[in-house]
Amino acid sequence: MAAETSVLMPVIIVAALVIRGAFTEIRRPGSARRDWTFVTKWGAMAAAGVVAVTVTALGWNQAGWAALAWALLAGTLSAYLIGRDSG
């Protein structure tokens, strides 16, 4: 039961980020395209993969499938931070 409930938090976080992105796009058209440019950067995507695999490997025994949800969230946020333009 604990693993099922721990999936709820990453889903809520992702939903909040999607809603935030939608409101930002409404206020400043084109901002979503700029925010998602990290997907095209190899270094950011490689870092996301390393983070996702590490979080899954470390959390699997404790959380099971919930570790995968957290790993995808952590990998995506890491890629965003690494791949964003400094400026």
N, C-alpha and C. Protein backbone atom coordinates (compact mmCIF):
# COMPACT_ATOMS: atom_id res chain seq x y z
N MET A 1 0.81 -1.19 0.00
CA MET A 1 0.00 0.00 0.00
C MET A 1 0.85 1.26 0.00
N ALA A 2 1.98 1.24 0.69
CA ALA A 2 2.82 2.43 0.77
C ALA A 2 3.37 2.81 -0.60
N ALA A 3 3.70 1.83 -1.42
CA ALA A 3 4.23 2.12 -2.76
C ALA A 3 3.17 2.78 -3.63
N GLU A 4 1.93 2.38 -3.49
CA GLU A 4 0.87 2.98 -4.29
C GLU A 4 0.65 4.44 -3.92
N THR A 5 0.70 4.76 -2.65
CA THR A 5 0.47 6.14 -2.24
C THR A 5 1.67 7.03 -2.56
N SER A 6 2.87 6.48 -2.62
CA SER A 6 4.03 7.32 -2.89
C SER A 6 4.11 7.72 -4.36
N VAL A 7 3.32 7.10 -5.22
CA VAL A 7 3.27 7.51 -6.62
C VAL A 7 2.45 8.79 -6.77
N LEU A 8 1.60 9.04 -5.84
CA LEU A 8 0.72 10.21 -5.91
C LEU A 8 1.50 11.53 -5.92
N MET A 9 2.54 11.65 -5.12
CA MET A 9 3.27 12.89 -5.02
C MET A 9 3.97 13.27 -6.34
N PRO A 10 4.70 12.37 -7.01
CA PRO A 10 5.29 12.80 -8.28
C PRO A 10 4.23 13.15 -9.33
N VAL A 11 3.10 12.49 -9.30
CA VAL A 11 2.03 12.82 -10.25
C VAL A 11 1.48 14.22 -9.97
N ILE A 12 1.33 14.56 -8.71
CA ILE A 12 0.86 15.90 -8.35
C ILE A 12 1.88 16.95 -8.77
N ILE A 13 3.16 16.68 -8.57
CA ILE A 13 4.22 17.61 -8.95
C ILE A 13 4.22 17.83 -10.46
N VAL A 14 4.12 16.76 -11.22
CA VAL A 14 4.08 16.88 -12.68
C VAL A 14 2.86 17.68 -13.13
N ALA A 15 1.72 17.41 -12.54
CA ALA A 15 0.51 18.16 -12.89
C ALA A 15 0.67 19.65 -12.58
N ALA A 16 1.27 19.97 -11.45
CA ALA A 16 1.49 21.37 -11.09
C ALA A 16 2.43 22.05 -12.08
N LEU A 17 3.47 21.33 -12.50
CA LEU A 17 4.42 21.90 -13.46
C LEU A 17 3.77 22.11 -14.83
N VAL A 18 2.90 21.20 -15.23
CA VAL A 18 2.20 21.35 -16.51
C VAL A 18 1.26 22.55 -16.46
N ILE A 19 0.53 22.70 -15.37
CA ILE A 19 -0.38 23.84 -15.22
C ILE A 19 0.41 25.14 -15.20
N ARG A 20 1.53 25.15 -14.47
CA ARG A 20 2.37 26.35 -14.44
C ARG A 20 2.87 26.70 -15.83
N GLY A 21 3.30 25.69 -16.58
CA GLY A 21 3.77 25.93 -17.94
C GLY A 21 2.68 26.47 -18.84
N ALA A 22 1.46 25.98 -18.66
CA ALA A 22 0.34 26.47 -19.48
C ALA A 22 0.04 27.93 -19.18
N PHE A 23 0.01 28.29 -17.91
CA PHE A 23 -0.25 29.69 -17.56
C PHE A 23 0.88 30.61 -18.04
N THR A 24 2.11 30.14 -17.96
CA THR A 24 3.25 30.94 -18.44
C THR A 24 3.15 31.12 -19.95
N GLU A 25 2.76 30.08 -20.65
CA GLU A 25 2.62 30.16 -22.11
C GLU A 25 1.51 31.14 -22.50
N ILE A 26 0.44 31.17 -21.73
CA ILE A 26 -0.65 32.12 -22.01
C ILE A 26 -0.15 33.55 -21.84
N ARG A 27 0.62 33.79 -20.77
CA ARG A 27 1.13 35.14 -20.51
C ARG A 27 2.23 35.55 -21.48
N ARG A 28 3.13 34.62 -21.80
CA ARG A 28 4.25 34.92 -22.70
C ARG A 28 4.32 33.84 -23.78
N PRO A 29 3.65 34.04 -24.92
CA PRO A 29 3.67 33.05 -25.98
C PRO A 29 5.11 32.73 -26.42
N GLY A 30 5.36 31.46 -26.61
CA GLY A 30 6.70 31.01 -27.01
C GLY A 30 7.56 30.58 -25.85
N SER A 31 7.11 30.82 -24.63
CA SER A 31 7.92 30.46 -23.46
C SER A 31 8.03 28.94 -23.29
N ALA A 32 7.02 28.21 -23.68
CA ALA A 32 7.08 26.75 -23.54
C ALA A 32 8.14 26.16 -24.46
N ARG A 33 8.26 26.68 -25.65
CA ARG A 33 9.28 26.20 -26.58
C ARG A 33 10.68 26.45 -25.99
N ARG A 34 10.88 27.62 -25.41
CA ARG A 34 12.18 27.93 -24.78
C ARG A 34 12.42 27.03 -23.58
N ASP A 35 11.38 26.76 -22.79
CA ASP A 35 11.55 25.93 -21.61
C ASP A 35 11.87 24.47 -21.95
N TRP A 36 11.39 23.99 -23.08
CA TRP A 36 11.59 22.59 -23.44
C TRP A 36 12.78 22.36 -24.38
N THR A 37 13.64 23.34 -24.57
CA THR A 37 14.81 23.15 -25.44
C THR A 37 15.81 22.17 -24.85
N PHE A 38 15.74 21.91 -23.55
CA PHE A 38 16.67 20.97 -22.94
C PHE A 38 16.55 19.56 -23.53
N VAL A 39 15.40 19.25 -24.11
CA VAL A 39 15.18 17.92 -24.69
C VAL A 39 16.11 17.68 -25.89
N THR A 40 16.53 18.74 -26.55
CA THR A 40 17.39 18.60 -27.72
C THR A 40 18.88 18.58 -27.38
N LYS A 41 19.22 18.73 -26.12
CA LYS A 41 20.63 18.79 -25.71
C LYS A 41 21.08 17.43 -25.18
N TRP A 42 22.11 16.88 -25.82
CA TRP A 42 22.58 15.54 -25.50
C TRP A 42 23.09 15.42 -24.07
N GLY A 43 23.82 16.43 -23.61
CA GLY A 43 24.36 16.38 -22.25
C GLY A 43 23.27 16.32 -21.19
N ALA A 44 22.24 17.11 -21.41
CA ALA A 44 21.13 17.14 -20.46
C ALA A 44 20.38 15.81 -20.46
N MET A 45 20.19 15.24 -21.63
CA MET A 45 19.47 13.96 -21.70
C MET A 45 20.30 12.81 -21.13
N ALA A 46 21.62 12.86 -21.33
CA ALA A 46 22.49 11.84 -20.73
C ALA A 46 22.45 11.93 -19.21
N ALA A 47 22.49 13.15 -18.69
CA ALA A 47 22.40 13.34 -17.24
C ALA A 47 21.06 12.84 -16.71
N ALA A 48 20.00 13.10 -17.45
CA ALA A 48 18.67 12.62 -17.05
C ALA A 48 18.64 11.10 -16.97
N GLY A 49 19.24 10.45 -17.93
CA GLY A 49 19.29 8.99 -17.92
C GLY A 49 20.07 8.45 -16.73
N VAL A 50 21.20 9.06 -16.44
CA VAL A 50 22.01 8.62 -15.30
C VAL A 50 21.24 8.81 -13.99
N VAL A 51 20.62 9.97 -13.84
CA VAL A 51 19.86 10.24 -12.62
C VAL A 51 18.68 9.26 -12.49
N ALA A 52 17.96 9.04 -13.59
CA ALA A 52 16.80 8.15 -13.55
C ALA A 52 17.20 6.72 -13.20
N VAL A 53 18.26 6.23 -13.80
CA VAL A 53 18.71 4.87 -13.51
C VAL A 53 19.18 4.76 -12.07
N THR A 54 19.90 5.77 -11.60
CA THR A 54 20.40 5.74 -10.22
C THR A 54 19.26 5.77 -9.20
N VAL A 55 18.30 6.65 -9.41
CA VAL A 55 17.17 6.73 -8.47
C VAL A 55 16.37 5.43 -8.49
N THR A 56 16.17 4.87 -9.67
CA THR A 56 15.44 3.60 -9.75
C THR A 56 16.19 2.49 -9.04
N ALA A 57 17.49 2.39 -9.30
CA ALA A 57 18.29 1.33 -8.69
C ALA A 57 18.33 1.45 -7.17
N LEU A 58 18.47 2.67 -6.67
CA LEU A 58 18.55 2.86 -5.22
C LEU A 58 17.20 2.73 -4.53
N GLY A 59 16.13 3.07 -5.21
CA GLY A 59 14.82 3.07 -4.57
C GLY A 59 13.95 1.85 -4.84
N TRP A 60 14.39 0.96 -5.73
CA TRP A 60 13.53 -0.15 -6.13
C TRP A 60 13.16 -1.05 -4.96
N ASN A 61 14.13 -1.42 -4.12
CA ASN A 61 13.82 -2.32 -3.00
C ASN A 61 12.86 -1.69 -2.01
N GLN A 62 12.94 -0.39 -1.84
CA GLN A 62 12.10 0.29 -0.87
C GLN A 62 10.70 0.61 -1.43
N ALA A 63 10.64 1.10 -2.67
CA ALA A 63 9.38 1.63 -3.18
C ALA A 63 8.80 0.87 -4.37
N GLY A 64 9.56 -0.01 -4.98
CA GLY A 64 9.04 -0.75 -6.14
C GLY A 64 8.79 0.16 -7.33
N TRP A 65 7.62 0.04 -7.92
CA TRP A 65 7.29 0.82 -9.11
C TRP A 65 7.23 2.32 -8.84
N ALA A 66 6.99 2.70 -7.61
CA ALA A 66 6.98 4.13 -7.27
C ALA A 66 8.35 4.75 -7.49
N ALA A 67 9.39 3.96 -7.33
CA ALA A 67 10.75 4.46 -7.58
C ALA A 67 10.91 4.89 -9.03
N LEU A 68 10.24 4.21 -9.93
CA LEU A 68 10.30 4.58 -11.34
C LEU A 68 9.65 5.94 -11.58
N ALA A 69 8.53 6.20 -10.94
CA ALA A 69 7.87 7.51 -11.08
C ALA A 69 8.76 8.62 -10.55
N TRP A 70 9.36 8.39 -9.39
CA TRP A 70 10.28 9.39 -8.83
C TRP A 70 11.51 9.56 -9.71
N ALA A 71 11.99 8.46 -10.29
CA ALA A 71 13.18 8.52 -11.15
C ALA A 71 12.91 9.35 -12.40
N LEU A 72 11.74 9.16 -13.00
CA LEU A 72 11.40 9.95 -14.19
C LEU A 72 11.28 11.43 -13.86
N LEU A 73 10.69 11.74 -12.72
CA LEU A 73 10.58 13.14 -12.30
C LEU A 73 11.96 13.73 -12.01
N ALA A 74 12.80 13.00 -11.28
CA ALA A 74 14.13 13.50 -10.95
C ALA A 74 14.99 13.66 -12.21
N GLY A 75 14.88 12.71 -13.13
CA GLY A 75 15.64 12.80 -14.37
C GLY A 75 15.22 13.98 -15.21
N THR A 76 13.92 14.21 -15.31
CA THR A 76 13.42 15.34 -16.09
C THR A 76 13.83 16.67 -15.48
N LEU A 77 13.71 16.80 -14.18
CA LEU A 77 14.12 18.05 -13.53
C LEU A 77 15.63 18.27 -13.64
N SER A 78 16.40 17.21 -13.56
CA SER A 78 17.85 17.34 -13.72
C SER A 78 18.20 17.79 -15.14
N ALA A 79 17.56 17.20 -16.13
CA ALA A 79 17.81 17.60 -17.52
C ALA A 79 17.43 19.05 -17.74
N TYR A 80 16.34 19.48 -17.14
CA TYR A 80 15.91 20.87 -17.26
C TYR A 80 16.96 21.82 -16.69
N LEU A 81 17.45 21.49 -15.51
CA LEU A 81 18.44 22.37 -14.89
C LEU A 81 19.77 22.38 -15.64
N ILE A 82 20.19 21.23 -16.13
CA ILE A 82 21.47 21.15 -16.84
C ILE A 82 21.36 21.75 -18.24
N GLY A 83 20.23 21.57 -18.89
CA GLY A 83 20.08 21.99 -20.28
C GLY A 83 19.58 23.39 -20.52
N ARG A 84 19.24 24.10 -19.47
CA ARG A 84 18.72 25.45 -19.69
C ARG A 84 19.85 26.41 -20.05
N ASP A 85 19.48 27.41 -20.80
CA ASP A 85 20.47 28.41 -21.23
C ASP A 85 20.77 29.35 -20.08
N SER A 86 22.03 29.69 -19.96
CA SER A 86 22.42 30.64 -18.92
C SER A 86 22.37 32.05 -19.49
N GLY A 87 21.29 32.68 -19.25
CA GLY A 87 21.19 34.03 -19.78
C GLY A 87 19.84 34.61 -19.77
